[in-house]
PDB file of N, CA and C in Angstrom:
ATOM      1  N   MET A   1      28.061 -27.521 -17.607  1.00  0.00           N
ATOM      2  CA  MET A   1      28.592 -26.856 -18.765  1.00  0.00           C
ATOM      3  C   MET A   1      28.182 -25.373 -18.696  1.00  0.00           C
ATOM      4  N   LEU A   2      29.153 -24.504 -18.804  1.00  0.00           N
ATOM      5  CA  LEU A   2      28.931 -23.065 -18.722  1.00  0.00           C
ATOM      6  C   LEU A   2      28.468 -22.504 -20.064  1.00  0.00           C
ATOM      7  N   LEU A   3      27.606 -21.514 -19.957  1.00  0.00           N
ATOM      8  CA  LEU A   3      27.178 -20.825 -21.170  1.00  0.00           C
ATOM      9  C   LEU A   3      28.305 -19.925 -21.659  1.00  0.00           C
ATOM     10  N   GLU A   4      28.326 -19.722 -22.934  1.00  0.00           N
ATOM     11  CA  GLU A   4      29.332 -18.821 -23.480  1.00  0.00           C
ATOM     12  C   GLU A   4      28.975 -17.379 -23.134  1.00  0.00           C
ATOM     13  N   THR A   5      29.922 -16.462 -23.262  1.00  0.00           N
ATOM     14  CA  THR A   5      29.729 -15.066 -22.915  1.00  0.00           C
ATOM     15  C   THR A   5      28.604 -14.434 -23.730  1.00  0.00           C
ATOM     16  N   THR A   6      28.529 -14.758 -24.994  1.00  0.00           N
ATOM     17  CA  THR A   6      27.477 -14.171 -25.819  1.00  0.00           C
ATOM     18  C   THR A   6      26.091 -14.627 -25.365  1.00  0.00           C
ATOM     19  N   GLN A   7      25.983 -15.864 -24.916  1.00  0.00           N
ATOM     20  CA  GLN A   7      24.695 -16.344 -24.426  1.00  0.00           C
ATOM     21  C   GLN A   7      24.302 -15.619 -23.141  1.00  0.00           C
ATOM     22  N   TRP A   8      25.266 -15.338 -22.273  1.00  0.00           N
ATOM     23  CA  TRP A   8      24.985 -14.570 -21.054  1.00  0.00           C
ATOM     24  C   TRP A   8      24.518 -13.157 -21.396  1.00  0.00           C
ATOM     25  N   ILE A   9      25.143 -12.556 -22.390  1.00  0.00           N
ATOM     26  CA  ILE A   9      24.757 -11.209 -22.809  1.00  0.00           C
ATOM     27  C   ILE A   9      23.342 -11.217 -23.381  1.00  0.00           C
ATOM     28  N   TRP A  10      23.012 -12.216 -24.207  1.00  0.00           N
ATOM     29  CA  TRP A  10      21.666 -12.325 -24.761  1.00  0.00           C
ATOM     30  C   TRP A  10      20.637 -12.536 -23.646  1.00  0.00           C
ATOM     31  N   ALA A  11      20.955 -13.370 -22.672  1.00  0.00           N
ATOM     32  CA  ALA A  11      20.025 -13.633 -21.572  1.00  0.00           C
ATOM     33  C   ALA A  11      19.786 -12.368 -20.746  1.00  0.00           C
ATOM     34  N   ALA A  12      20.855 -11.629 -20.449  1.00  0.00           N
ATOM     35  CA  ALA A  12      20.719 -10.392 -19.686  1.00  0.00           C
ATOM     36  C   ALA A  12      19.927  -9.356 -20.478  1.00  0.00           C
ATOM     37  N   GLY A  13      20.183  -9.267 -21.763  1.00  0.00           N
ATOM     38  CA  GLY A  13      19.438  -8.334 -22.622  1.00  0.00           C
ATOM     39  C   GLY A  13      17.961  -8.689 -22.681  1.00  0.00           C
ATOM     40  N   ALA A  14      17.652  -9.964 -22.780  1.00  0.00           N
ATOM     41  CA  ALA A  14      16.253 -10.395 -22.810  1.00  0.00           C
ATOM     42  C   ALA A  14      15.566 -10.083 -21.489  1.00  0.00           C
ATOM     43  N   LEU A  15      16.255 -10.288 -20.381  1.00  0.00           N
ATOM     44  CA  LEU A  15      15.682  -9.981 -19.076  1.00  0.00           C
ATOM     45  C   LEU A  15      15.410  -8.482 -18.927  1.00  0.00           C
ATOM     46  N   ILE A  16      16.346  -7.666 -19.328  1.00  0.00           N
ATOM     47  CA  ILE A  16      16.179  -6.209 -19.268  1.00  0.00           C
ATOM     48  C   ILE A  16      15.020  -5.776 -20.167  1.00  0.00           C
ATOM     49  N   ALA A  17      14.916  -6.369 -21.360  1.00  0.00           N
ATOM     50  CA  ALA A  17      13.834  -6.024 -22.271  1.00  0.00           C
ATOM     51  C   ALA A  17      12.472  -6.400 -21.684  1.00  0.00           C
ATOM     52  N   MET A  18      12.370  -7.549 -21.024  1.00  0.00           N
ATOM     53  CA  MET A  18      11.102  -7.976 -20.428  1.00  0.00           C
ATOM     54  C   MET A  18      10.704  -7.060 -19.267  1.00  0.00           C
ATOM     55  N   VAL A  19      11.659  -6.674 -18.425  1.00  0.00           N
ATOM     56  CA  VAL A  19      11.353  -5.774 -17.316  1.00  0.00           C
ATOM     57  C   VAL A  19      10.908  -4.415 -17.854  1.00  0.00           C
ATOM     58  N   ALA A  20      11.596  -3.913 -18.874  1.00  0.00           N
ATOM     59  CA  ALA A  20      11.217  -2.635 -19.475  1.00  0.00           C
ATOM     60  C   ALA A  20       9.822  -2.719 -20.090  1.00  0.00           C
ATOM     61  N   LEU A  21       9.495  -3.832 -20.750  1.00  0.00           N
ATOM     62  CA  LEU A  21       8.172  -4.011 -21.336  1.00  0.00           C
ATOM     63  C   LEU A  21       7.086  -4.054 -20.261  1.00  0.00           C
ATOM     64  N   MET A  22       7.354  -4.731 -19.147  1.00  0.00           N
ATOM     65  CA  MET A  22       6.380  -4.789 -18.054  1.00  0.00           C
ATOM     66  C   MET A  22       6.140  -3.405 -17.457  1.00  0.00           C
ATOM     67  N   LEU A  23       7.208  -2.630 -17.254  1.00  0.00           N
ATOM     68  CA  LEU A  23       7.055  -1.278 -16.728  1.00  0.00           C
ATOM     69  C   LEU A  23       6.285  -0.383 -17.695  1.00  0.00           C
ATOM     70  N   LEU A  24       6.568  -0.511 -18.962  1.00  0.00           N
ATOM     71  CA  LEU A  24       5.871   0.278 -19.979  1.00  0.00           C
ATOM     72  C   LEU A  24       4.389  -0.082 -20.045  1.00  0.00           C
ATOM     73  N   LEU A  25       4.065  -1.365 -19.984  1.00  0.00           N
ATOM     74  CA  LEU A  25       2.668  -1.789 -20.011  1.00  0.00           C
ATOM     75  C   LEU A  25       1.931  -1.357 -18.743  1.00  0.00           C
ATOM     76  N   GLY A  26       2.600  -1.377 -17.606  1.00  0.00           N
ATOM     77  CA  GLY A  26       1.979  -0.909 -16.368  1.00  0.00           C
ATOM     78  C   GLY A  26       1.660   0.570 -16.425  1.00  0.00           C
ATOM     79  N   ARG A  27       2.576   1.345 -16.940  1.00  0.00           N
ATOM     80  CA  ARG A  27       2.342   2.787 -17.080  1.00  0.00           C
ATOM     81  C   ARG A  27       1.218   3.064 -18.070  1.00  0.00           C
ATOM     82  N   ALA A  28       1.185   2.324 -19.173  1.00  0.00           N
ATOM     83  CA  ALA A  28       0.117   2.500 -20.161  1.00  0.00           C
ATOM     84  C   ALA A  28      -1.238   2.129 -19.555  1.00  0.00           C
ATOM     85  N   ALA A  29      -1.284   1.081 -18.735  1.00  0.00           N
ATOM     86  CA  ALA A  29      -2.543   0.679 -18.109  1.00  0.00           C
ATOM     87  C   ALA A  29      -3.035   1.750 -17.140  1.00  0.00           C
ATOM     88  N   ARG A  30      -2.126   2.372 -16.394  1.00  0.00           N
ATOM     89  CA  ARG A  30      -2.532   3.443 -15.478  1.00  0.00           C
ATOM     90  C   ARG A  30      -3.017   4.665 -16.232  1.00  0.00           C
ATOM     91  N   LEU A  31      -2.378   4.987 -17.336  1.00  0.00           N
ATOM     92  CA  LEU A  31      -2.777   6.165 -18.116  1.00  0.00           C
ATOM     93  C   LEU A  31      -4.125   5.982 -18.796  1.00  0.00           C
ATOM     94  N   THR A  32      -4.447   4.751 -19.205  1.00  0.00           N
ATOM     95  CA  THR A  32      -5.713   4.500 -19.882  1.00  0.00           C
ATOM     96  C   THR A  32      -6.839   4.188 -18.909  1.00  0.00           C
ATOM     97  N   GLY A  33      -6.540   4.069 -17.619  1.00  0.00           N
ATOM     98  CA  GLY A  33      -7.575   3.808 -16.627  1.00  0.00           C
ATOM     99  C   GLY A  33      -7.838   2.338 -16.380  1.00  0.00           C
ATOM    100  N   LEU A  34      -7.067   1.450 -16.978  1.00  0.00           N
ATOM    101  CA  LEU A  34      -7.252   0.019 -16.745  1.00  0.00           C
ATOM    102  C   LEU A  34      -6.722  -0.415 -15.384  1.00  0.00           C
ATOM    103  N   ALA A  35      -5.785   0.322 -14.838  1.00  0.00           N
ATOM    104  CA  ALA A  35      -5.228   0.021 -13.520  1.00  0.00           C
ATOM    105  C   ALA A  35      -5.435   1.243 -12.634  1.00  0.00           C
ATOM    106  N   PRO A  36      -5.656   1.034 -11.330  1.00  0.00           N
ATOM    107  CA  PRO A  36      -5.880   2.176 -10.442  1.00  0.00           C
ATOM    108  C   PRO A  36      -4.631   3.035 -10.308  1.00  0.00           C
ATOM    109  N   ARG A  37      -4.847   4.338 -10.227  1.00  0.00           N
ATOM    110  CA  ARG A  37      -3.730   5.263 -10.018  1.00  0.00           C
ATOM    111  C   ARG A  37      -3.440   5.347  -8.535  1.00  0.00           C
ATOM    112  N   GLY A  38      -2.179   5.318  -8.197  1.00  0.00           N
ATOM    113  CA  GLY A  38      -1.797   5.440  -6.799  1.00  0.00           C
ATOM    114  C   GLY A  38      -2.339   4.277  -5.998  1.00  0.00           C
ATOM    115  N   GLY A  39      -2.028   4.268  -4.746  1.00  0.00           N
ATOM    116  CA  GLY A  39      -2.516   3.202  -3.900  1.00  0.00           C
ATOM    117  C   GLY A  39      -2.562   3.659  -2.467  1.00  0.00           C
ATOM    118  N   GLY A  40      -3.161   2.868  -1.647  1.00  0.00           N
ATOM    119  CA  GLY A  40      -3.207   3.176  -0.238  1.00  0.00           C
ATOM    120  C   GLY A  40      -4.194   4.238   0.145  1.00  0.00           C
ATOM    121  N   GLN A  41      -5.152   4.552  -0.722  1.00  0.00           N
ATOM    122  CA  GLN A  41      -6.123   5.583  -0.405  1.00  0.00           C
ATOM    123  C   GLN A  41      -7.327   5.022   0.330  1.00  0.00           C
ATOM    124  N   ARG A  42      -7.431   3.716   0.462  1.00  0.00           N
ATOM    125  CA  ARG A  42      -8.556   3.132   1.176  1.00  0.00           C
ATOM    126  C   ARG A  42      -8.331   3.138   2.676  1.00  0.00           C
ATOM    127  N   LEU A  43      -7.097   3.110   3.117  1.00  0.00           N
ATOM    128  CA  LEU A  43      -6.769   3.058   4.536  1.00  0.00           C
ATOM    129  C   LEU A  43      -5.830   4.212   4.860  1.00  0.00           C
ATOM    130  N   ARG A  44      -6.225   5.038   5.852  1.00  0.00           N
ATOM    131  CA  ARG A  44      -5.420   6.207   6.179  1.00  0.00           C
ATOM    132  C   ARG A  44      -5.526   6.483   7.673  1.00  0.00           C
ATOM    133  N   VAL A  45      -4.390   6.784   8.316  1.00  0.00           N
ATOM    134  CA  VAL A  45      -4.379   7.173   9.720  1.00  0.00           C
ATOM    135  C   VAL A  45      -4.666   8.666   9.783  1.00  0.00           C
ATOM    136  N   GLU A  46      -5.780   9.022  10.394  1.00  0.00           N
ATOM    137  CA  GLU A  46      -6.176  10.425  10.493  1.00  0.00           C
ATOM    138  C   GLU A  46      -5.436  11.138  11.616  1.00  0.00           C
ATOM    139  N   GLU A  47      -5.459  10.525  12.802  1.00  0.00           N
ATOM    140  CA  GLU A  47      -4.868  11.171  13.967  1.00  0.00           C
ATOM    141  C   GLU A  47      -4.488  10.101  14.978  1.00  0.00           C
ATOM    142  N   SER A  48      -3.484  10.417  15.820  1.00  0.00           N
ATOM    143  CA  SER A  48      -3.042   9.482  16.840  1.00  0.00           C
ATOM    144  C   SER A  48      -2.715  10.256  18.109  1.00  0.00           C
ATOM    145  N   LEU A  49      -3.096   9.689  19.256  1.00  0.00           N
ATOM    146  CA  LEU A  49      -2.913  10.350  20.542  1.00  0.00           C
ATOM    147  C   LEU A  49      -2.309   9.360  21.525  1.00  0.00           C
ATOM    148  N   ALA A  50      -1.167   9.710  22.133  1.00  0.00           N
ATOM    149  CA  ALA A  50      -0.540   8.858  23.135  1.00  0.00           C
ATOM    150  C   ALA A  50      -1.253   9.043  24.471  1.00  0.00           C
ATOM    151  N   LEU A  51      -1.801   7.955  24.997  1.00  0.00           N
ATOM    152  CA  LEU A  51      -2.488   8.015  26.281  1.00  0.00           C
ATOM    153  C   LEU A  51      -1.511   7.897  27.445  1.00  0.00           C
ATOM    154  N   ASP A  52      -0.541   7.010  27.296  1.00  0.00           N
ATOM    155  CA  ASP A  52       0.532   6.870  28.274  1.00  0.00           C
ATOM    156  C   ASP A  52       1.748   6.309  27.539  1.00  0.00           C
ATOM    157  N   ALA A  53       2.706   5.764  28.282  1.00  0.00           N
ATOM    158  CA  ALA A  53       3.953   5.312  27.654  1.00  0.00           C
ATOM    159  C   ALA A  53       3.731   4.145  26.697  1.00  0.00           C
ATOM    160  N   ARG A  54       2.670   3.355  26.911  1.00  0.00           N
ATOM    161  CA  ARG A  54       2.472   2.166  26.085  1.00  0.00           C
ATOM    162  C   ARG A  54       1.246   2.227  25.188  1.00  0.00           C
ATOM    163  N   ARG A  55       0.202   2.884  25.614  1.00  0.00           N
ATOM    164  CA  ARG A  55      -1.057   2.852  24.877  1.00  0.00           C
ATOM    165  C   ARG A  55      -1.238   4.076  23.995  1.00  0.00           C
ATOM    166  N   ARG A  56      -1.935   3.854  22.883  1.00  0.00           N
ATOM    167  CA  ARG A  56      -2.154   4.915  21.905  1.00  0.00           C
ATOM    168  C   ARG A  56      -3.563   4.782  21.337  1.00  0.00           C
ATOM    169  N   LEU A  57      -4.248   5.911  21.239  1.00  0.00           N
ATOM    170  CA  LEU A  57      -5.581   5.982  20.645  1.00  0.00           C
ATOM    171  C   LEU A  57      -5.414   6.508  19.226  1.00  0.00           C
ATOM    172  N   THR A  58      -5.935   5.765  18.236  1.00  0.00           N
ATOM    173  CA  THR A  58      -5.716   6.106  16.839  1.00  0.00           C
ATOM    174  C   THR A  58      -7.037   6.184  16.100  1.00  0.00           C
ATOM    175  N   LEU A  59      -7.207   7.249  15.332  1.00  0.00           N
ATOM    176  CA  LEU A  59      -8.375   7.411  14.469  1.00  0.00           C
ATOM    177  C   LEU A  59      -7.953   7.033  13.052  1.00  0.00           C
ATOM    178  N   VAL A  60      -8.599   6.004  12.507  1.00  0.00           N
ATOM    179  CA  VAL A  60      -8.251   5.461  11.200  1.00  0.00           C
ATOM    180  C   VAL A  60      -9.447   5.635  10.276  1.00  0.00           C
ATOM    181  N   ARG A  61      -9.203   6.042   9.030  1.00  0.00           N
ATOM    182  CA  ARG A  61     -10.282   6.171   8.046  1.00  0.00           C
ATOM    183  C   ARG A  61     -10.140   5.026   7.050  1.00  0.00           C
ATOM    184  N   ILE A  62     -11.228   4.246   6.914  1.00  0.00           N
ATOM    185  CA  ILE A  62     -11.248   3.093   6.018  1.00  0.00           C
ATOM    186  C   ILE A  62     -12.420   3.260   5.062  1.00  0.00           C
ATOM    187  N   ASP A  63     -12.137   3.390   3.786  1.00  0.00           N
ATOM    188  CA  ASP A  63     -13.177   3.573   2.766  1.00  0.00           C
ATOM    189  C   ASP A  63     -14.150   4.683   3.120  1.00  0.00           C
ATOM    190  N   GLY A  64     -13.651   5.781   3.665  1.00  0.00           N
ATOM    191  CA  GLY A  64     -14.480   6.928   3.966  1.00  0.00           C
ATOM    192  C   GLY A  64     -15.154   6.887   5.325  1.00  0.00           C
ATOM    193  N   ARG A  65     -15.029   5.797   6.061  1.00  0.00           N
ATOM    194  CA  ARG A  65     -15.605   5.691   7.403  1.00  0.00           C
ATOM    195  C   ARG A  65     -14.486   5.727   8.419  1.00  0.00           C
ATOM    196  N   ALA A  66     -14.749   6.319   9.592  1.00  0.00           N
ATOM    197  CA  ALA A  66     -13.728   6.471  10.629  1.00  0.00           C
ATOM    198  C   ALA A  66     -13.908   5.414  11.708  1.00  0.00           C
ATOM    199  N   MET A  67     -12.784   4.879  12.209  1.00  0.00           N
ATOM    200  CA  MET A  67     -12.769   3.868  13.257  1.00  0.00           C
ATOM    201  C   MET A  67     -11.754   4.287  14.316  1.00  0.00           C
ATOM    202  N   VAL A  68     -12.055   4.001  15.590  1.00  0.00           N
ATOM    203  CA  VAL A  68     -11.146   4.321  16.682  1.00  0.00           C
ATOM    204  C   VAL A  68     -10.508   3.022  17.170  1.00  0.00           C
ATOM    205  N   LEU A  69      -9.161   3.016  17.247  1.00  0.00           N
ATOM    206  CA  LEU A  69      -8.410   1.857  17.705  1.00  0.00           C
ATOM    207  C   LEU A  69      -7.619   2.217  18.957  1.00  0.00           C
ATOM    208  N   LEU A  70      -7.536   1.296  19.906  1.00  0.00           N
ATOM    209  CA  LEU A  70      -6.697   1.429  21.087  1.00  0.00           C
ATOM    210  C   LEU A  70      -5.603   0.389  20.968  1.00  0.00           C
ATOM    211  N   THR A  71      -4.356   0.831  20.797  1.00  0.00           N
ATOM    212  CA  THR A  71      -3.242  -0.085  20.601  1.00  0.00           C
ATOM    213  C   THR A  71      -2.264   0.031  21.756  1.00  0.00           C
ATOM    214  N   GLY A  72      -1.447  -1.002  21.926  1.00  0.00           N
ATOM    215  CA  GLY A  72      -0.478  -1.044  23.005  1.00  0.00           C
ATOM    216  C   GLY A  72      -1.052  -1.791  24.192  1.00  0.00           C
ATOM    217  N   GLY A  73      -0.242  -1.965  25.217  1.00  0.00           N
ATOM    218  CA  GLY A  73      -0.711  -2.697  26.371  1.00  0.00           C
ATOM    219  C   GLY A  73      -0.774  -4.186  26.079  1.00  0.00           C
ATOM    220  N   ALA A  74      -1.645  -4.897  26.802  1.00  0.00           N
ATOM    221  CA  ALA A  74      -1.740  -6.349  26.643  1.00  0.00           C
ATOM    222  C   ALA A  74      -2.421  -6.732  25.332  1.00  0.00           C
ATOM    223  N   THR A  75      -3.430  -5.964  24.908  1.00  0.00           N
ATOM    224  CA  THR A  75      -4.155  -6.283  23.672  1.00  0.00           C
ATOM    225  C   THR A  75      -4.463  -5.000  22.905  1.00  0.00           C
ATOM    226  N   ASP A  76      -4.769  -5.164  21.648  1.00  0.00           N
ATOM    227  CA  ASP A  76      -5.236  -4.055  20.815  1.00  0.00           C
ATOM    228  C   ASP A  76      -6.749  -4.189  20.676  1.00  0.00           C
ATOM    229  N   LEU A  77      -7.448  -3.070  20.742  1.00  0.00           N
ATOM    230  CA  LEU A  77      -8.908  -3.101  20.693  1.00  0.00           C
ATOM    231  C   LEU A  77      -9.430  -2.188  19.598  1.00  0.00           C
ATOM    232  N   CYS A  78     -10.522  -2.623  18.978  1.00  0.00           N
ATOM    233  CA  CYS A  78     -11.288  -1.773  18.071  1.00  0.00           C
ATOM    234  C   CYS A  78     -12.420  -1.202  18.918  1.00  0.00           C
ATOM    235  N   LEU A  79     -12.389   0.087  19.185  1.00  0.00           N
ATOM    236  CA  LEU A  79     -13.408   0.704  20.035  1.00  0.00           C
ATOM    237  C   LEU A  79     -14.695   0.982  19.273  1.00  0.00           C
ATOM    238  N   GLY A  80     -14.654   0.978  17.969  1.00  0.00           N
ATOM    239  CA  GLY A  80     -15.866   1.113  17.183  1.00  0.00           C
ATOM    240  C   GLY A  80     -15.767   2.146  16.096  1.00  0.00           C
ATOM    241  N   TRP A  81     -16.831   2.205  15.297  1.00  0.00           N
ATOM    242  CA  TRP A  81     -16.915   3.147  14.197  1.00  0.00           C
ATOM    243  C   TRP A  81     -17.435   4.472  14.711  1.00  0.00           C
ATOM    244  N   VAL A  82     -16.921   5.545  14.160  1.00  0.00           N
ATOM    245  CA  VAL A  82     -17.390   6.888  14.509  1.00  0.00           C
ATOM    246  C   VAL A  82     -18.645   7.153  13.696  1.00  0.00           C
ATOM    247  N   PRO A  83     -19.747   7.594  14.349  1.00  0.00           N
ATOM    248  CA  PRO A  83     -20.982   7.847  13.594  1.00  0.00           C
ATOM    249  C   PRO A  83     -20.779   8.980  12.588  1.00  0.00           C
ATOM    250  N   GLU A  84     -21.395   8.821  11.436  1.00  0.00           N
ATOM    251  CA  GLU A  84     -21.332   9.846  10.391  1.00  0.00           C
ATOM    252  C   GLU A  84     -22.194  11.030  10.809  1.00  0.00           C
ATOM    253  N   THR A  85     -21.679  12.231  10.576  1.00  0.00           N
ATOM    254  CA  THR A  85     -22.457  13.426  10.888  1.00  0.00           C
ATOM    255  C   THR A  85     -23.248  13.842   9.652  1.00  0.00           C
ATOM    256  N   ALA A  86     -24.492  14.217   9.853  1.00  0.00           N
ATOM    257  CA  ALA A  86     -25.333  14.641   8.725  1.00  0.00           C
ATOM    258  C   ALA A  86     -25.008  16.093   8.372  1.00  0.00           C
ATOM    259  N   PRO A  87     -24.856  16.391   7.081  1.00  0.00           N
ATOM    260  CA  PRO A  87     -24.539  17.764   6.673  1.00  0.00           C
ATOM    261  C   PRO A  87     -25.717  18.697   6.839  1.00  0.00           C
TER     262      PRO A  87
END
């Protein structure tokens, strides 16, 4: 049994209202500090160097610490953490 046209309109309106309410609450949470602003700041690619046609040396910063990765070839390797320099 098919819903009548008015019921479809009410359902679509309710769905739009719920999505708008979720977006509004998300924005309010970010403005009040309940939710983190922005994202992706914990993991960042600092620099990348092509060693040859397949392999690449990449410096990645994770939570303020730097790590060197060797990607490509048969396997990917974590070469280790870069020591912190004292100021």
